[in-house]
Amino acid sequence: MSFGYGYDRIDFGCTEAGPSMGMWCPSDAQKLYRKQLHEQFMWLPSVIWSRHGWDRVLHDMCTSIDRKAMALNVSPHITQVKEKFGRLRVECGHETPFDIRTIVDRYSEKSKHICDLCGEAGSLWVCGGSWCTRCDDHVLPAALTPEEFASRLTALKRTVLKK
């Protein structure tokens, strides 16, 4: 079952995805990887709302969180993992220690430079109002850089305010 922009629930798989936003369905190997990731880090939510290009970032972040949690003798409380504004967004419970939040922030920042589809080096892009991080091979033809998007938005605001 697919939910929106090509994200999948690892426990249900997915159905055919539409082409307009570069949507896709993960391979069986990718689904298995996510399942194994959840088995390794039981505190990780079973639903991960991001494309598989960030799986390495997610694994490295979870490993760092796990080590820090053991050192602090706490249990990580991660409530949600998703993509938002072209970066990996990880929501922590309010009782999550600052040291673990710092790790989450570091890997979220890192994800802004990694293609969410393939895991190669990428940049932030805006396409149809949605932000994504893509490499040169996966960027959509109509995508704008954040600077181009801001410039067009500013021009549009000026046009609206003149009326």
C-alpha atoms as a PDB file:
ATOM      1  CA  MET A   1       0.000   0.000   0.000  1.00  0.00           C
ATOM      2  CA  SER A   2       1.414   3.400  -0.951  1.00  0.00           C
ATOM      3  CA  PHE A   3       0.714   6.615   0.910  1.00  0.00           C
ATOM      4  CA  GLY A   4       1.345   9.849  -0.977  1.00  0.00           C
ATOM      5  CA  TYR A   5       4.601  10.738  -2.669  1.00  0.00           C
ATOM      6  CA  GLY A   6       6.051   7.244  -3.045  1.00  0.00           C
ATOM      7  CA  TYR A   7       6.561   6.636   0.660  1.00  0.00           C
ATOM      8  CA  ASP A   8       5.801   3.169   1.821  1.00  0.00           C
ATOM      9  CA  ARG A   9       4.733   1.484   4.996  1.00  0.00           C
ATOM     10  CA  ILE A  10       7.243  -1.285   5.404  1.00  0.00           C
ATOM     11  CA  ASP A  11       4.653  -3.609   6.854  1.00  0.00           C
ATOM     12  CA  PHE A  12       2.292  -3.368   3.837  1.00  0.00           C
ATOM     13  CA  GLY A  13       4.560  -2.769   0.835  1.00  0.00           C
ATOM     14  CA  CYS A  14       3.074  -0.502  -1.832  1.00  0.00           C
ATOM     15  CA  THR A  15       1.069  -0.311  -5.023  1.00  0.00           C
ATOM     16  CA  GLU A  16       1.879   1.408  -8.301  1.00  0.00           C
ATOM     17  CA  ALA A  17       3.031   5.003  -7.867  1.00  0.00           C
ATOM     18  CA  GLY A  18       2.324   7.927 -10.160  1.00  0.00           C
ATOM     19  CA  PRO A  19       5.049   9.528 -12.295  1.00  0.00           C
ATOM     20  CA  SER A  20       4.356  13.235 -11.734  1.00  0.00           C
ATOM     21  CA  MET A  21       6.495  13.664  -8.603  1.00  0.00           C
ATOM     22  CA  GLY A  22       9.064  10.973  -9.440  1.00  0.00           C
ATOM     23  CA  MET A  23       7.164   8.489  -7.276  1.00  0.00           C
ATOM     24  CA  TRP A  24       8.311   4.900  -7.100  1.00  0.00           C
ATOM     25  CA  CYS A  25       7.922   1.715  -5.136  1.00  0.00           C
ATOM     26  CA  PRO A  26      10.803   0.160  -3.223  1.00  0.00           C
ATOM     27  CA  SER A  27      12.233  -3.163  -4.264  1.00  0.00           C
ATOM     28  CA  ASP A  28      11.804  -6.253  -2.120  1.00  0.00           C
ATOM     29  CA  ALA A  29      15.430  -5.837  -0.993  1.00  0.00           C
ATOM     30  CA  GLN A  30      14.723  -2.281   0.147  1.00  0.00           C
ATOM     31  CA  LYS A  31      11.626  -3.396   2.057  1.00  0.00           C
ATOM     32  CA  LEU A  32      13.643  -6.149   3.708  1.00  0.00           C
ATOM     33  CA  TYR A  33      16.354  -3.625   4.661  1.00  0.00           C
ATOM     34  CA  ARG A  34      13.778  -1.411   6.398  1.00  0.00           C
ATOM     35  CA  LYS A  35      12.370  -4.417   8.243  1.00  0.00           C
ATOM     36  CA  GLN A  36      15.862  -5.396   9.401  1.00  0.00           C
ATOM     37  CA  LEU A  37      16.550  -1.809  10.448  1.00  0.00           C
ATOM     38  CA  HIS A  38      13.477  -1.867  12.669  1.00  0.00           C
ATOM     39  CA  GLU A  39      14.489  -5.255  14.103  1.00  0.00           C
ATOM     40  CA  GLN A  40      17.960  -3.903  14.939  1.00  0.00           C
ATOM     41  CA  PHE A  41      16.623  -0.695  16.493  1.00  0.00           C
ATOM     42  CA  MET A  42      13.381  -1.747  18.167  1.00  0.00           C
ATOM     43  CA  TRP A  43      12.803   1.799  19.426  1.00  0.00           C
ATOM     44  CA  LEU A  44      12.518   3.013  15.823  1.00  0.00           C
ATOM     45  CA  PRO A  45       8.911   3.494  14.639  1.00  0.00           C
ATOM     46  CA  SER A  46       7.802   0.719  12.275  1.00  0.00           C
ATOM     47  CA  VAL A  47       6.522   3.277   9.766  1.00  0.00           C
ATOM     48  CA  ILE A  48       9.262   5.330   8.113  1.00  0.00           C
ATOM     49  CA  TRP A  49       8.001   8.005   5.746  1.00  0.00           C
ATOM     50  CA  SER A  50      11.080   8.602   3.589  1.00  0.00           C
ATOM     51  CA  ARG A  51      12.511   7.282   0.371  1.00  0.00           C
ATOM     52  CA  HIS A  52      15.236   4.673   0.456  1.00  0.00           C
ATOM     53  CA  GLY A  53      18.092   6.930  -0.675  1.00  0.00           C
ATOM     54  CA  TRP A  54      18.392   8.014   2.959  1.00  0.00           C
ATOM     55  CA  ASP A  55      18.591   4.484   4.383  1.00  0.00           C
ATOM     56  CA  ARG A  56      22.355   4.794   5.008  1.00  0.00           C
ATOM     57  CA  VAL A  57      21.875   8.141   6.772  1.00  0.00           C
ATOM     58  CA  LEU A  58      19.065   6.633   8.815  1.00  0.00           C
ATOM     59  CA  HIS A  59      21.157   3.592   9.761  1.00  0.00           C
ATOM     60  CA  ASP A  60      24.160   5.723  10.754  1.00  0.00           C
ATOM     61  CA  MET A  61      21.926   8.021  12.805  1.00  0.00           C
ATOM     62  CA  CYS A  62      20.286   5.081  14.593  1.00  0.00           C
ATOM     63  CA  THR A  63      23.694   3.560  15.354  1.00  0.00           C
ATOM     64  CA  SER A  64      24.874   6.863  16.851  1.00  0.00           C
ATOM     65  CA  ILE A  65      21.665   7.260  18.851  1.00  0.00           C
ATOM     66  CA  ASP A  66      21.919   3.684  20.123  1.00  0.00           C
ATOM     67  CA  ARG A  67      25.511   4.206  21.304  1.00  0.00           C
ATOM     68  CA  LYS A  68      24.675   7.500  23.017  1.00  0.00           C
ATOM     69  CA  ALA A  69      21.558   6.032  24.644  1.00  0.00           C
ATOM     70  CA  MET A  70      23.618   3.146  26.062  1.00  0.00           C
ATOM     71  CA  ALA A  71      26.217   5.593  27.389  1.00  0.00           C
ATOM     72  CA  LEU A  72      23.483   7.682  29.017  1.00  0.00           C
ATOM     73  CA  ASN A  73      21.570   4.584  30.173  1.00  0.00           C
ATOM     74  CA  VAL A  74      18.338   5.785  28.548  1.00  0.00           C
ATOM     75  CA  SER A  75      15.934   4.372  26.005  1.00  0.00           C
ATOM     76  CA  PRO A  76      15.574   6.475  22.830  1.00  0.00           C
ATOM     77  CA  HIS A  77      12.083   7.812  22.249  1.00  0.00           C
ATOM     78  CA  ILE A  78      11.722   8.468  18.520  1.00  0.00           C
ATOM     79  CA  THR A  79       8.087   9.053  17.610  1.00  0.00           C
ATOM     80  CA  GLN A  80       8.261   9.664  13.847  1.00  0.00           C
ATOM     81  CA  VAL A  81      10.676   9.441  10.921  1.00  0.00           C
ATOM     82  CA  LYS A  82       9.686  11.244   7.727  1.00  0.00           C
ATOM     83  CA  GLU A  83      10.774  13.523   4.918  1.00  0.00           C
ATOM     84  CA  LYS A  84       9.897  17.188   5.303  1.00  0.00           C
ATOM     85  CA  PHE A  85      11.098  20.113   3.207  1.00  0.00           C
ATOM     86  CA  GLY A  86      13.684  17.961   1.444  1.00  0.00           C
ATOM     87  CA  ARG A  87      15.382  16.595   4.537  1.00  0.00           C
ATOM     88  CA  LEU A  88      15.063  13.672   6.900  1.00  0.00           C
ATOM     89  CA  ARG A  89      12.941  14.743   9.844  1.00  0.00           C
ATOM     90  CA  VAL A  90      13.009  12.737  13.051  1.00  0.00           C
ATOM     91  CA  GLU A  91      10.589  13.584  15.827  1.00  0.00           C
ATOM     92  CA  CYS A  92      11.741  12.873  19.392  1.00  0.00           C
ATOM     93  CA  GLY A  93       9.662  12.479  22.526  1.00  0.00           C
ATOM     94  CA  HIS A  94       9.841  15.360  24.988  1.00  0.00           C
ATOM     95  CA  GLU A  95      11.962  13.299  27.406  1.00  0.00           C
ATOM     96  CA  THR A  96      14.713  12.720  24.808  1.00  0.00           C
ATOM     97  CA  PRO A  97      18.090  13.954  26.118  1.00  0.00           C
ATOM     98  CA  PHE A  98      19.769  16.919  24.437  1.00  0.00           C
ATOM     99  CA  ASP A  99      22.727  14.735  23.355  1.00  0.00           C
ATOM    100  CA  ILE A 100      20.409  12.510  21.323  1.00  0.00           C
ATOM    101  CA  ARG A 101      18.572  15.498  19.834  1.00  0.00           C
ATOM    102  CA  THR A 102      21.954  16.846  18.712  1.00  0.00           C
ATOM    103  CA  ILE A 103      22.643  13.583  16.864  1.00  0.00           C
ATOM    104  CA  VAL A 104      19.230  13.770  15.184  1.00  0.00           C
ATOM    105  CA  ASP A 105      19.872  17.375  14.089  1.00  0.00           C
ATOM    106  CA  ARG A 106      23.308  16.484  12.677  1.00  0.00           C
ATOM    107  CA  TYR A 107      21.914  13.679  10.494  1.00  0.00           C
ATOM    108  CA  SER A 108      18.917  15.750   9.427  1.00  0.00           C
ATOM    109  CA  GLU A 109      21.327  18.414   8.182  1.00  0.00           C
ATOM    110  CA  LYS A 110      23.408  15.745   6.415  1.00  0.00           C
ATOM    111  CA  SER A 111      20.324  14.439   4.565  1.00  0.00           C
ATOM    112  CA  LYS A 112      19.967  17.825   2.785  1.00  0.00           C
ATOM    113  CA  HIS A 113      23.019  16.868   0.745  1.00  0.00           C
ATOM    114  CA  ILE A 114      22.047  13.283  -0.175  1.00  0.00           C
ATOM    115  CA  CYS A 115      19.645  12.261  -2.954  1.00  0.00           C
ATOM    116  CA  ASP A 116      16.555  10.756  -1.348  1.00  0.00           C
ATOM    117  CA  LEU A 117      16.180   8.316  -4.246  1.00  0.00           C
ATOM    118  CA  CYS A 118      19.664   6.855  -4.713  1.00  0.00           C
ATOM    119  CA  GLY A 119      21.824   8.003  -1.782  1.00  0.00           C
ATOM    120  CA  GLU A 120      24.380   9.872  -3.908  1.00  0.00           C
ATOM    121  CA  ALA A 121      25.394  13.510  -3.340  1.00  0.00           C
ATOM    122  CA  GLY A 122      22.463  15.837  -3.968  1.00  0.00           C
ATOM    123  CA  SER A 123      21.076  19.334  -3.539  1.00  0.00           C
ATOM    124  CA  LEU A 124      17.803  20.863  -2.407  1.00  0.00           C
ATOM    125  CA  TRP A 125      15.235  21.471  -5.142  1.00  0.00           C
ATOM    126  CA  VAL A 126      11.651  22.731  -5.296  1.00  0.00           C
ATOM    127  CA  CYS A 127       9.198  21.192  -7.754  1.00  0.00           C
ATOM    128  CA  GLY A 128       5.563  22.148  -7.741  1.00  0.00           C
ATOM    129  CA  GLY A 129       5.915  23.591  -4.244  1.00  0.00           C
ATOM    130  CA  SER A 130       7.409  20.377  -2.805  1.00  0.00           C
ATOM    131  CA  TRP A 131      10.980  20.357  -1.562  1.00  0.00           C
ATOM    132  CA  CYS A 132      13.258  17.397  -2.280  1.00  0.00           C
ATOM    133  CA  THR A 133      16.951  16.538  -2.270  1.00  0.00           C
ATOM    134  CA  ARG A 134      18.119  15.069  -5.568  1.00  0.00           C
ATOM    135  CA  CYS A 135      21.303  14.297  -7.450  1.00  0.00           C
ATOM    136  CA  ASP A 136      21.767  15.509 -11.030  1.00  0.00           C
ATOM    137  CA  ASP A 137      20.450  12.175 -12.365  1.00  0.00           C
ATOM    138  CA  HIS A 138      17.166  12.320 -10.423  1.00  0.00           C
ATOM    139  CA  VAL A 139      16.255  16.009 -10.356  1.00  0.00           C
ATOM    140  CA  LEU A 140      12.988  16.667 -12.189  1.00  0.00           C
ATOM    141  CA  PRO A 141      13.118  18.915 -15.270  1.00  0.00           C
ATOM    142  CA  ALA A 142      10.751  21.530 -13.810  1.00  0.00           C
ATOM    143  CA  ALA A 143      12.596  21.746 -10.464  1.00  0.00           C
ATOM    144  CA  LEU A 144      13.919  25.074  -9.200  1.00  0.00           C
ATOM    145  CA  THR A 145      16.797  25.787  -6.866  1.00  0.00           C
ATOM    146  CA  PRO A 146      15.687  27.306  -3.536  1.00  0.00           C
ATOM    147  CA  GLU A 147      17.056  30.644  -4.753  1.00  0.00           C
ATOM    148  CA  GLU A 148      15.053  30.494  -7.999  1.00  0.00           C
ATOM    149  CA  PHE A 149      11.945  29.516  -6.030  1.00  0.00           C
ATOM    150  CA  ALA A 150      12.410  32.420  -3.591  1.00  0.00           C
ATOM    151  CA  SER A 151      12.917  34.849  -6.483  1.00  0.00           C
ATOM    152  CA  ARG A 152       9.734  33.704  -8.243  1.00  0.00           C
ATOM    153  CA  LEU A 153       7.781  33.805  -4.998  1.00  0.00           C
ATOM    154  CA  THR A 154       8.979  37.354  -4.299  1.00  0.00           C
ATOM    155  CA  ALA A 155       8.011  38.431  -7.829  1.00  0.00           C
ATOM    156  CA  LEU A 156       4.585  36.848  -7.403  1.00  0.00           C
ATOM    157  CA  LYS A 157       4.054  38.647  -4.083  1.00  0.00           C
ATOM    158  CA  ARG A 158       4.960  41.971  -5.687  1.00  0.00           C
ATOM    159  CA  THR A 159       2.474  41.327  -8.503  1.00  0.00           C
ATOM    160  CA  VAL A 160      -0.305  40.466  -6.044  1.00  0.00           C
ATOM    161  CA  LEU A 161       0.417  43.493  -3.834  1.00  0.00           C
ATOM    162  CA  LYS A 162       0.270  45.877  -6.830  1.00  0.00           C
ATOM    163  CA  LYS A 163      -3.326  44.841  -7.553  1.00  0.00           C
END
